[in-house]
All heavy atoms as atom14 arrays in JSON, in Angstrom:
{
  "sequence": "MIKTQNLSKIFATKEMETRALRKINLEINKGEFLAIMGPSGCG",
  "atom14_mask": [
    [1, 1, 1, 1, 1, 1, 1, 1, 0, 0, 0, 0, 0, 0],
    [1, 1, 1, 1, 1, 1, 1, 1, 0, 0, 0, 0, 0, 0],
    [1, 1, 1, 1, 1, 1, 1, 1, 1, 0, 0, 0, 0, 0],
    [1, 1, 1, 1, 1, 1, 1, 0, 0, 0, 0, 0, 0, 0],
    [1, 1, 1, 1, 1, 1, 1, 1, 1, 0, 0, 0, 0, 0],
    [1, 1, 1, 1, 1, 1, 1, 1, 0, 0, 0, 0, 0, 0],
    [1, 1, 1, 1, 1, 1, 1, 1, 0, 0, 0, 0, 0, 0],
    [1, 1, 1, 1, 1, 1, 0, 0, 0, 0, 0, 0, 0, 0],
    [1, 1, 1, 1, 1, 1, 1, 1, 1, 0, 0, 0, 0, 0],
    [1, 1, 1, 1, 1, 1, 1, 1, 0, 0, 0, 0, 0, 0],
    [1, 1, 1, 1, 1, 1, 1, 1, 1, 1, 1, 0, 0, 0],
    [1, 1, 1, 1, 1, 0, 0, 0, 0, 0, 0, 0, 0, 0],
    [1, 1, 1, 1, 1, 1, 1, 0, 0, 0, 0, 0, 0, 0],
    [1, 1, 1, 1, 1, 1, 1, 1, 1, 0, 0, 0, 0, 0],
    [1, 1, 1, 1, 1, 1, 1, 1, 1, 0, 0, 0, 0, 0],
    [1, 1, 1, 1, 1, 1, 1, 1, 0, 0, 0, 0, 0, 0],
    [1, 1, 1, 1, 1, 1, 1, 1, 1, 0, 0, 0, 0, 0],
    [1, 1, 1, 1, 1, 1, 1, 0, 0, 0, 0, 0, 0, 0],
    [1, 1, 1, 1, 1, 1, 1, 1, 1, 1, 1, 0, 0, 0],
    [1, 1, 1, 1, 1, 0, 0, 0, 0, 0, 0, 0, 0, 0],
    [1, 1, 1, 1, 1, 1, 1, 1, 0, 0, 0, 0, 0, 0],
    [1, 1, 1, 1, 1, 1, 1, 1, 1, 1, 1, 0, 0, 0],
    [1, 1, 1, 1, 1, 1, 1, 1, 1, 0, 0, 0, 0, 0],
    [1, 1, 1, 1, 1, 1, 1, 1, 0, 0, 0, 0, 0, 0],
    [1, 1, 1, 1, 1, 1, 1, 1, 0, 0, 0, 0, 0, 0],
    [1, 1, 1, 1, 1, 1, 1, 1, 0, 0, 0, 0, 0, 0],
    [1, 1, 1, 1, 1, 1, 1, 1, 1, 0, 0, 0, 0, 0],
    [1, 1, 1, 1, 1, 1, 1, 1, 0, 0, 0, 0, 0, 0],
    [1, 1, 1, 1, 1, 1, 1, 1, 0, 0, 0, 0, 0, 0],
    [1, 1, 1, 1, 1, 1, 1, 1, 1, 0, 0, 0, 0, 0],
    [1, 1, 1, 1, 0, 0, 0, 0, 0, 0, 0, 0, 0, 0],
    [1, 1, 1, 1, 1, 1, 1, 1, 1, 0, 0, 0, 0, 0],
    [1, 1, 1, 1, 1, 1, 1, 1, 1, 1, 1, 0, 0, 0],
    [1, 1, 1, 1, 1, 1, 1, 1, 0, 0, 0, 0, 0, 0],
    [1, 1, 1, 1, 1, 0, 0, 0, 0, 0, 0, 0, 0, 0],
    [1, 1, 1, 1, 1, 1, 1, 1, 0, 0, 0, 0, 0, 0],
    [1, 1, 1, 1, 1, 1, 1, 1, 0, 0, 0, 0, 0, 0],
    [1, 1, 1, 1, 0, 0, 0, 0, 0, 0, 0, 0, 0, 0],
    [1, 1, 1, 1, 1, 1, 1, 0, 0, 0, 0, 0, 0, 0],
    [1, 1, 1, 1, 1, 1, 0, 0, 0, 0, 0, 0, 0, 0],
    [1, 1, 1, 1, 0, 0, 0, 0, 0, 0, 0, 0, 0, 0],
    [1, 1, 1, 1, 1, 1, 0, 0, 0, 0, 0, 0, 0, 0],
    [1, 1, 1, 1, 0, 0, 0, 0, 0, 0, 0, 0, 0, 0]
  ],
  "atom14_positions": [
    [[24.97, 0.41, 26.75], [24.82, 0.92, 25.44], [25.99, 1.93, 25.22], [26.5, 2.07, 24.13], [23.51, 1.63, 25.23], [23.35, 2.37, 24.0], [21.76, 3.14, 23.79], [20.83, 1.69, 23.04], [0.0, 0.0, 0.0], [0.0, 0.0, 0.0], [0.0, 0.0, 0.0], [0.0, 0.0, 0.0], [0.0, 0.0, 0.0], [0.0, 0.0, 0.0]],
    [[26.27, 2.76, 26.28], [27.21, 3.84, 26.15], [28.31, 3.62, 27.28], [27.97, 3.44, 28.48], [26.5, 5.14, 26.37], [25.75, 5.51, 25.04], [27.56, 6.34, 26.68], [24.88, 6.78, 25.24], [0.0, 0.0, 0.0], [0.0, 0.0, 0.0], [0.0, 0.0, 0.0], [0.0, 0.0, 0.0], [0.0, 0.0, 0.0], [0.0, 0.0, 0.0]],
    [[29.59, 3.82, 26.9], [30.63, 3.84, 27.81], [31.7, 4.81, 27.43], [32.15, 4.7, 26.28], [31.2, 2.34, 27.98], [32.21, 2.16, 29.1], [32.7, 0.76, 29.21], [33.71, 0.61, 30.38], [34.17, -0.76, 30.5], [0.0, 0.0, 0.0], [0.0, 0.0, 0.0], [0.0, 0.0, 0.0], [0.0, 0.0, 0.0], [0.0, 0.0, 0.0]],
    [[32.06, 5.66, 28.31], [33.18, 6.56, 28.0], [34.34, 6.32, 29.0], [34.07, 6.07, 30.09], [32.69, 8.06, 28.1], [32.46, 8.38, 29.43], [31.42, 8.31, 27.23], [0.0, 0.0, 0.0], [0.0, 0.0, 0.0], [0.0, 0.0, 0.0], [0.0, 0.0, 0.0], [0.0, 0.0, 0.0], [0.0, 0.0, 0.0], [0.0, 0.0, 0.0]],
    [[35.5, 6.55, 28.57], [36.68, 6.42, 29.32], [37.57, 7.62, 29.18], [38.07, 7.96, 28.01], [37.55, 5.15, 28.96], [36.72, 3.83, 29.17], [37.5, 2.6, 28.78], [38.29, 2.67, 27.88], [37.13, 1.48, 29.45], [0.0, 0.0, 0.0], [0.0, 0.0, 0.0], [0.0, 0.0, 0.0], [0.0, 0.0, 0.0], [0.0, 0.0, 0.0]],
    [[37.76, 8.36, 30.3], [38.58, 9.62, 30.22], [38.24, 10.52, 29.04], [39.26, 11.08, 28.46], [40.14, 9.19, 30.26], [40.49, 8.54, 31.5], [40.05, 8.8, 32.53], [41.33, 7.46, 31.4], [0.0, 0.0, 0.0], [0.0, 0.0, 0.0], [0.0, 0.0, 0.0], [0.0, 0.0, 0.0], [0.0, 0.0, 0.0], [0.0, 0.0, 0.0]],
    [[37.01, 10.73, 28.83], [36.54, 11.54, 27.72], [36.83, 13.02, 27.95], [36.34, 13.5, 28.99], [35.04, 11.3, 27.42], [34.54, 11.65, 26.01], [35.06, 10.64, 25.09], [33.02, 11.54, 26.09], [0.0, 0.0, 0.0], [0.0, 0.0, 0.0], [0.0, 0.0, 0.0], [0.0, 0.0, 0.0], [0.0, 0.0, 0.0], [0.0, 0.0, 0.0]],
    [[37.56, 13.73, 27.05], [37.87, 15.09, 27.32], [37.61, 15.86, 26.0], [37.75, 15.27, 24.96], [39.33, 15.25, 27.73], [39.54, 14.66, 28.98], [0.0, 0.0, 0.0], [0.0, 0.0, 0.0], [0.0, 0.0, 0.0], [0.0, 0.0, 0.0], [0.0, 0.0, 0.0], [0.0, 0.0, 0.0], [0.0, 0.0, 0.0], [0.0, 0.0, 0.0]],
    [[37.29, 17.11, 26.13], [37.11, 17.99, 25.02], [37.7, 19.4, 25.25], [37.39, 20.0, 26.29], [35.59, 18.15, 24.64], [35.31, 18.97, 23.48], [35.81, 18.27, 22.15], [35.49, 19.16, 20.94], [35.98, 18.55, 19.69], [0.0, 0.0, 0.0], [0.0, 0.0, 0.0], [0.0, 0.0, 0.0], [0.0, 0.0, 0.0], [0.0, 0.0, 0.0]],
    [[38.55, 19.81, 24.32], [39.18, 21.16, 24.46], [38.82, 21.89, 23.14], [38.93, 21.46, 22.1], [40.72, 21.03, 24.57], [41.07, 20.18, 25.83], [41.32, 22.36, 24.52], [42.55, 19.94, 25.91], [0.0, 0.0, 0.0], [0.0, 0.0, 0.0], [0.0, 0.0, 0.0], [0.0, 0.0, 0.0], [0.0, 0.0, 0.0], [0.0, 0.0, 0.0]],
    [[38.27, 23.11, 23.41], [38.04, 24.12, 22.33], [39.23, 25.14, 22.4], [39.32, 25.82, 23.34], [36.7, 24.8, 22.5], [35.56, 23.77, 22.36], [34.85, 23.34, 23.49], [35.19, 23.38, 21.17], [33.72, 22.51, 23.35], [34.05, 22.47, 20.95], [33.39, 22.12, 22.04], [0.0, 0.0, 0.0], [0.0, 0.0, 0.0], [0.0, 0.0, 0.0]],
    [[40.01, 25.16, 21.28], [41.18, 26.05, 21.28], [41.05, 27.19, 20.21], [40.56, 26.84, 19.09], [42.41, 25.22, 21.18], [0.0, 0.0, 0.0], [0.0, 0.0, 0.0], [0.0, 0.0, 0.0], [0.0, 0.0, 0.0], [0.0, 0.0, 0.0], [0.0, 0.0, 0.0], [0.0, 0.0, 0.0], [0.0, 0.0, 0.0], [0.0, 0.0, 0.0]],
    [[41.44, 28.38, 20.58], [41.55, 29.46, 19.59], [42.95, 29.99, 19.8], [43.74, 29.62, 20.62], [40.55, 30.56, 19.86], [40.77, 31.21, 21.08], [39.16, 30.01, 19.77], [0.0, 0.0, 0.0], [0.0, 0.0, 0.0], [0.0, 0.0, 0.0], [0.0, 0.0, 0.0], [0.0, 0.0, 0.0], [0.0, 0.0, 0.0], [0.0, 0.0, 0.0]],
    [[43.34, 30.96, 19.02], [44.69, 31.6, 19.15], [44.79, 32.3, 20.5], [45.9, 32.36, 21.07], [44.94, 32.5, 17.95], [45.06, 31.93, 16.51], [45.27, 33.0, 15.52], [45.52, 32.36, 14.17], [45.7, 33.39, 13.15], [0.0, 0.0, 0.0], [0.0, 0.0, 0.0], [0.0, 0.0, 0.0], [0.0, 0.0, 0.0], [0.0, 0.0, 0.0]],
    [[43.67, 32.77, 21.0], [43.69, 33.5, 22.24], [43.59, 32.71, 23.47], [44.14, 33.04, 24.53], [42.55, 34.56, 22.27], [42.74, 35.71, 21.26], [42.39, 35.33, 19.78], [41.62, 34.3, 19.7], [42.93, 35.82, 18.85], [0.0, 0.0, 0.0], [0.0, 0.0, 0.0], [0.0, 0.0, 0.0], [0.0, 0.0, 0.0], [0.0, 0.0, 0.0]],
    [[42.91, 31.52, 23.37], [42.54, 30.86, 24.68], [42.25, 29.41, 24.39], [41.98, 29.02, 23.2], [41.46, 31.52, 25.4], [40.09, 31.56, 24.74], [38.85, 32.31, 25.63], [38.64, 31.25, 27.12], [0.0, 0.0, 0.0], [0.0, 0.0, 0.0], [0.0, 0.0, 0.0], [0.0, 0.0, 0.0], [0.0, 0.0, 0.0], [0.0, 0.0, 0.0]],
    [[42.26, 28.6, 25.51], [41.9, 27.23, 25.45], [40.93, 26.98, 26.45], [41.02, 27.23, 27.62], [43.18, 26.39, 25.64], [43.06, 24.89, 25.56], [44.28, 24.12, 25.69], [45.01, 24.02, 24.74], [44.53, 23.7, 26.86], [0.0, 0.0, 0.0], [0.0, 0.0, 0.0], [0.0, 0.0, 0.0], [0.0, 0.0, 0.0], [0.0, 0.0, 0.0]],
    [[39.74, 26.34, 26.06], [38.68, 26.01, 26.99], [38.5, 24.52, 27.15], [38.2, 23.81, 26.06], [37.36, 26.63, 26.54], [37.54, 28.02, 26.4], [36.17, 26.28, 27.5], [0.0, 0.0, 0.0], [0.0, 0.0, 0.0], [0.0, 0.0, 0.0], [0.0, 0.0, 0.0], [0.0, 0.0, 0.0], [0.0, 0.0, 0.0], [0.0, 0.0, 0.0]],
    [[38.7, 24.0, 28.4], [38.5, 22.66, 28.64], [36.96, 22.39, 28.95], [36.53, 22.57, 30.06], [39.36, 22.16, 29.68], [40.8, 22.16, 29.33], [41.76, 21.62, 30.42], [43.13, 21.67, 30.13], [43.74, 20.64, 29.4], [42.97, 19.55, 29.11], [45.0, 20.71, 29.11], [0.0, 0.0, 0.0], [0.0, 0.0, 0.0], [0.0, 0.0, 0.0]],
    [[36.23, 21.93, 27.94], [34.82, 21.68, 28.12], [34.45, 20.41, 28.87], [33.53, 20.42, 29.69], [34.13, 21.8, 26.68], [0.0, 0.0, 0.0], [0.0, 0.0, 0.0], [0.0, 0.0, 0.0], [0.0, 0.0, 0.0], [0.0, 0.0, 0.0], [0.0, 0.0, 0.0], [0.0, 0.0, 0.0], [0.0, 0.0, 0.0], [0.0, 0.0, 0.0]],
    [[35.24, 19.42, 28.71], [35.06, 18.2, 29.34], [36.38, 17.72, 29.86], [37.35, 17.74, 29.22], [34.47, 17.04, 28.38], [33.17, 17.35, 27.77], [32.72, 16.17, 26.83], [32.07, 17.46, 28.89], [0.0, 0.0, 0.0], [0.0, 0.0, 0.0], [0.0, 0.0, 0.0], [0.0, 0.0, 0.0], [0.0, 0.0, 0.0], [0.0, 0.0, 0.0]],
    [[36.33, 17.11, 31.07], [37.64, 16.72, 31.71], [37.5, 15.2, 32.23], [36.83, 14.99, 33.28], [37.89, 17.58, 33.0], [38.11, 19.04, 32.66], [38.04, 19.89, 33.95], [38.0, 21.3, 33.63], [39.14, 22.11, 33.67], [40.32, 21.52, 33.91], [39.11, 23.37, 33.37], [0.0, 0.0, 0.0], [0.0, 0.0, 0.0], [0.0, 0.0, 0.0]],
    [[38.03, 14.32, 31.47], [38.09, 12.94, 31.83], [36.79, 12.35, 32.36], [36.69, 11.92, 33.5], [39.25, 12.71, 32.81], [40.57, 12.98, 32.21], [41.67, 12.65, 33.18], [43.13, 12.91, 32.53], [44.29, 12.55, 33.47], [0.0, 0.0, 0.0], [0.0, 0.0, 0.0], [0.0, 0.0, 0.0], [0.0, 0.0, 0.0], [0.0, 0.0, 0.0]],
    [[35.82, 12.32, 31.49], [34.43, 11.84, 31.79], [34.39, 10.38, 31.71], [34.71, 9.76, 30.67], [33.35, 12.48, 30.98], [33.22, 13.9, 31.08], [32.03, 11.78, 31.23], [32.67, 14.4, 32.4], [0.0, 0.0, 0.0], [0.0, 0.0, 0.0], [0.0, 0.0, 0.0], [0.0, 0.0, 0.0], [0.0, 0.0, 0.0], [0.0, 0.0, 0.0]],
    [[34.11, 9.67, 32.79], [33.91, 8.15, 32.82], [32.44, 7.94, 33.09], [31.93, 8.24, 34.18], [34.85, 7.47, 33.88], [36.34, 7.62, 33.41], [36.71, 7.13, 32.45], [37.08, 8.27, 34.33], [0.0, 0.0, 0.0], [0.0, 0.0, 0.0], [0.0, 0.0, 0.0], [0.0, 0.0, 0.0], [0.0, 0.0, 0.0], [0.0, 0.0, 0.0]],
    [[31.78, 7.36, 32.19], [30.3, 7.23, 32.29], [29.88, 5.96, 31.55], [30.49, 5.51, 30.54], [29.67, 8.46, 31.49], [28.21, 8.46, 31.29], [27.47, 8.43, 32.64], [27.85, 9.62, 30.45], [0.0, 0.0, 0.0], [0.0, 0.0, 0.0], [0.0, 0.0, 0.0], [0.0, 0.0, 0.0], [0.0, 0.0, 0.0], [0.0, 0.0, 0.0]],
    [[28.94, 5.27, 32.16], [28.36, 4.08, 31.58], [26.78, 4.18, 31.68], [26.22, 4.47, 32.71], [28.79, 2.8, 32.33], [28.41, 1.52, 31.63], [29.28, 0.34, 32.06], [30.28, 0.53, 32.89], [29.0, -0.77, 31.57], [0.0, 0.0, 0.0], [0.0, 0.0, 0.0], [0.0, 0.0, 0.0], [0.0, 0.0, 0.0], [0.0, 0.0, 0.0]],
    [[26.11, 3.97, 30.55], [24.72, 4.05, 30.47], [24.1, 2.75, 29.95], [24.57, 2.27, 28.86], [24.3, 5.25, 29.55], [24.83, 6.53, 30.1], [22.7, 5.28, 29.49], [24.63, 7.68, 29.11], [0.0, 0.0, 0.0], [0.0, 0.0, 0.0], [0.0, 0.0, 0.0], [0.0, 0.0, 0.0], [0.0, 0.0, 0.0], [0.0, 0.0, 0.0]],
    [[23.25, 2.1, 30.63], [22.65, 0.85, 30.17], [21.55, 1.03, 29.21], [20.85, 2.03, 29.15], [22.19, 0.07, 31.41], [23.27, -0.29, 32.33], [24.36, -0.81, 31.88], [23.04, -0.23, 33.66], [0.0, 0.0, 0.0], [0.0, 0.0, 0.0], [0.0, 0.0, 0.0], [0.0, 0.0, 0.0], [0.0, 0.0, 0.0], [0.0, 0.0, 0.0]],
    [[21.38, 0.05, 28.38], [20.34, -0.03, 27.45], [19.03, 0.02, 28.18], [18.74, -0.74, 29.11], [20.42, -1.26, 26.61], [19.41, -1.35, 25.49], [19.65, -2.6, 24.61], [18.59, -2.61, 23.5], [18.8, -3.87, 22.6], [0.0, 0.0, 0.0], [0.0, 0.0, 0.0], [0.0, 0.0, 0.0], [0.0, 0.0, 0.0], [0.0, 0.0, 0.0]],
    [[18.08, 0.91, 27.74], [16.78, 1.04, 28.43], [16.76, 1.95, 29.57], [15.61, 2.12, 30.24], [0.0, 0.0, 0.0], [0.0, 0.0, 0.0], [0.0, 0.0, 0.0], [0.0, 0.0, 0.0], [0.0, 0.0, 0.0], [0.0, 0.0, 0.0], [0.0, 0.0, 0.0], [0.0, 0.0, 0.0], [0.0, 0.0, 0.0], [0.0, 0.0, 0.0]],
    [[17.88, 2.59, 29.86], [17.95, 3.58, 31.05], [17.45, 4.94, 30.67], [17.51, 5.36, 29.43], [19.39, 3.67, 31.53], [19.49, 4.43, 32.82], [20.89, 4.38, 33.38], [21.79, 3.81, 32.71], [21.14, 4.95, 34.51], [0.0, 0.0, 0.0], [0.0, 0.0, 0.0], [0.0, 0.0, 0.0], [0.0, 0.0, 0.0], [0.0, 0.0, 0.0]],
    [[16.93, 5.65, 31.57], [16.51, 7.15, 31.36], [17.45, 7.89, 32.31], [17.26, 7.83, 33.55], [15.07, 7.3, 31.78], [14.53, 8.62, 31.35], [13.17, 8.75, 31.2], [15.36, 9.74, 31.24], [12.6, 10.01, 30.83], [14.83, 11.02, 30.95], [13.4, 11.15, 30.67], [0.0, 0.0, 0.0], [0.0, 0.0, 0.0], [0.0, 0.0, 0.0]],
    [[18.39, 8.55, 31.78], [19.45, 9.33, 32.55], [19.21, 10.86, 32.33], [19.12, 11.39, 31.22], [20.88, 8.93, 32.1], [21.99, 9.66, 32.68], [22.21, 9.23, 34.19], [23.29, 9.4, 31.93], [0.0, 0.0, 0.0], [0.0, 0.0, 0.0], [0.0, 0.0, 0.0], [0.0, 0.0, 0.0], [0.0, 0.0, 0.0], [0.0, 0.0, 0.0]],
    [[19.25, 11.47, 33.37], [19.31, 13.02, 33.39], [20.64, 13.54, 33.79], [21.27, 13.04, 34.73], [18.23, 13.57, 34.27], [0.0, 0.0, 0.0], [0.0, 0.0, 0.0], [0.0, 0.0, 0.0], [0.0, 0.0, 0.0], [0.0, 0.0, 0.0], [0.0, 0.0, 0.0], [0.0, 0.0, 0.0], [0.0, 0.0, 0.0], [0.0, 0.0, 0.0]],
    [[21.18, 14.49, 33.05], [22.42, 15.11, 33.49], [22.15, 16.59, 33.78], [21.6, 17.31, 32.96], [23.46, 14.98, 32.28], [23.67, 13.55, 31.98], [24.75, 15.69, 32.66], [24.54, 13.35, 30.77], [0.0, 0.0, 0.0], [0.0, 0.0, 0.0], [0.0, 0.0, 0.0], [0.0, 0.0, 0.0], [0.0, 0.0, 0.0], [0.0, 0.0, 0.0]],
    [[22.44, 17.02, 35.0], [22.2, 18.35, 35.42], [23.51, 19.15, 35.66], [24.54, 18.53, 35.94], [21.3, 18.39, 36.7], [19.95, 17.64, 36.5], [18.94, 17.89, 37.98], [18.4, 19.62, 37.81], [0.0, 0.0, 0.0], [0.0, 0.0, 0.0], [0.0, 0.0, 0.0], [0.0, 0.0, 0.0], [0.0, 0.0, 0.0], [0.0, 0.0, 0.0]],
    [[23.24, 20.51, 35.69], [24.44, 21.33, 36.02], [24.18, 22.73, 35.42], [23.34, 22.97, 34.63], [0.0, 0.0, 0.0], [0.0, 0.0, 0.0], [0.0, 0.0, 0.0], [0.0, 0.0, 0.0], [0.0, 0.0, 0.0], [0.0, 0.0, 0.0], [0.0, 0.0, 0.0], [0.0, 0.0, 0.0], [0.0, 0.0, 0.0], [0.0, 0.0, 0.0]],
    [[24.95, 23.73, 35.88], [24.88, 25.04, 35.5], [25.19, 25.29, 33.96], [25.82, 24.42, 33.4], [25.74, 25.85, 36.34], [26.83, 24.87, 36.76], [26.15, 23.53, 36.87], [0.0, 0.0, 0.0], [0.0, 0.0, 0.0], [0.0, 0.0, 0.0], [0.0, 0.0, 0.0], [0.0, 0.0, 0.0], [0.0, 0.0, 0.0], [0.0, 0.0, 0.0]],
    [[24.83, 26.38, 33.41], [25.15, 26.67, 31.99], [26.64, 26.78, 31.93], [27.38, 27.26, 32.87], [24.59, 28.11, 31.65], [23.13, 27.94, 31.66], [0.0, 0.0, 0.0], [0.0, 0.0, 0.0], [0.0, 0.0, 0.0], [0.0, 0.0, 0.0], [0.0, 0.0, 0.0], [0.0, 0.0, 0.0], [0.0, 0.0, 0.0], [0.0, 0.0, 0.0]],
    [[27.21, 26.22, 30.86], [28.7, 26.25, 30.62], [29.44, 25.16, 31.29], [30.63, 25.13, 31.18], [0.0, 0.0, 0.0], [0.0, 0.0, 0.0], [0.0, 0.0, 0.0], [0.0, 0.0, 0.0], [0.0, 0.0, 0.0], [0.0, 0.0, 0.0], [0.0, 0.0, 0.0], [0.0, 0.0, 0.0], [0.0, 0.0, 0.0], [0.0, 0.0, 0.0]],
    [[28.7, 24.22, 31.88], [29.44, 23.11, 32.54], [29.9, 21.96, 31.68], [30.64, 21.08, 32.14], [28.61, 22.6, 33.82], [27.28, 21.54, 33.34], [0.0, 0.0, 0.0], [0.0, 0.0, 0.0], [0.0, 0.0, 0.0], [0.0, 0.0, 0.0], [0.0, 0.0, 0.0], [0.0, 0.0, 0.0], [0.0, 0.0, 0.0], [0.0, 0.0, 0.0]],
    [[29.39, 21.94, 30.47], [29.8, 20.89, 29.51], [28.75, 19.9, 29.17], [28.97, 18.94, 28.39], [0.0, 0.0, 0.0], [0.0, 0.0, 0.0], [0.0, 0.0, 0.0], [0.0, 0.0, 0.0], [0.0, 0.0, 0.0], [0.0, 0.0, 0.0], [0.0, 0.0, 0.0], [0.0, 0.0, 0.0], [0.0, 0.0, 0.0], [0.0, 0.0, 0.0]]
  ]
}
């Protein structure tokens, strides 16, 4: 159902650049129950 290839996200301001996602490769099948864990601010 879901497939990502090298998915990246950058939030940029005049002062700084934040790389929120770095080349995410992910595949999720139809009917799956997926949990994504990690600390606050990890994306």
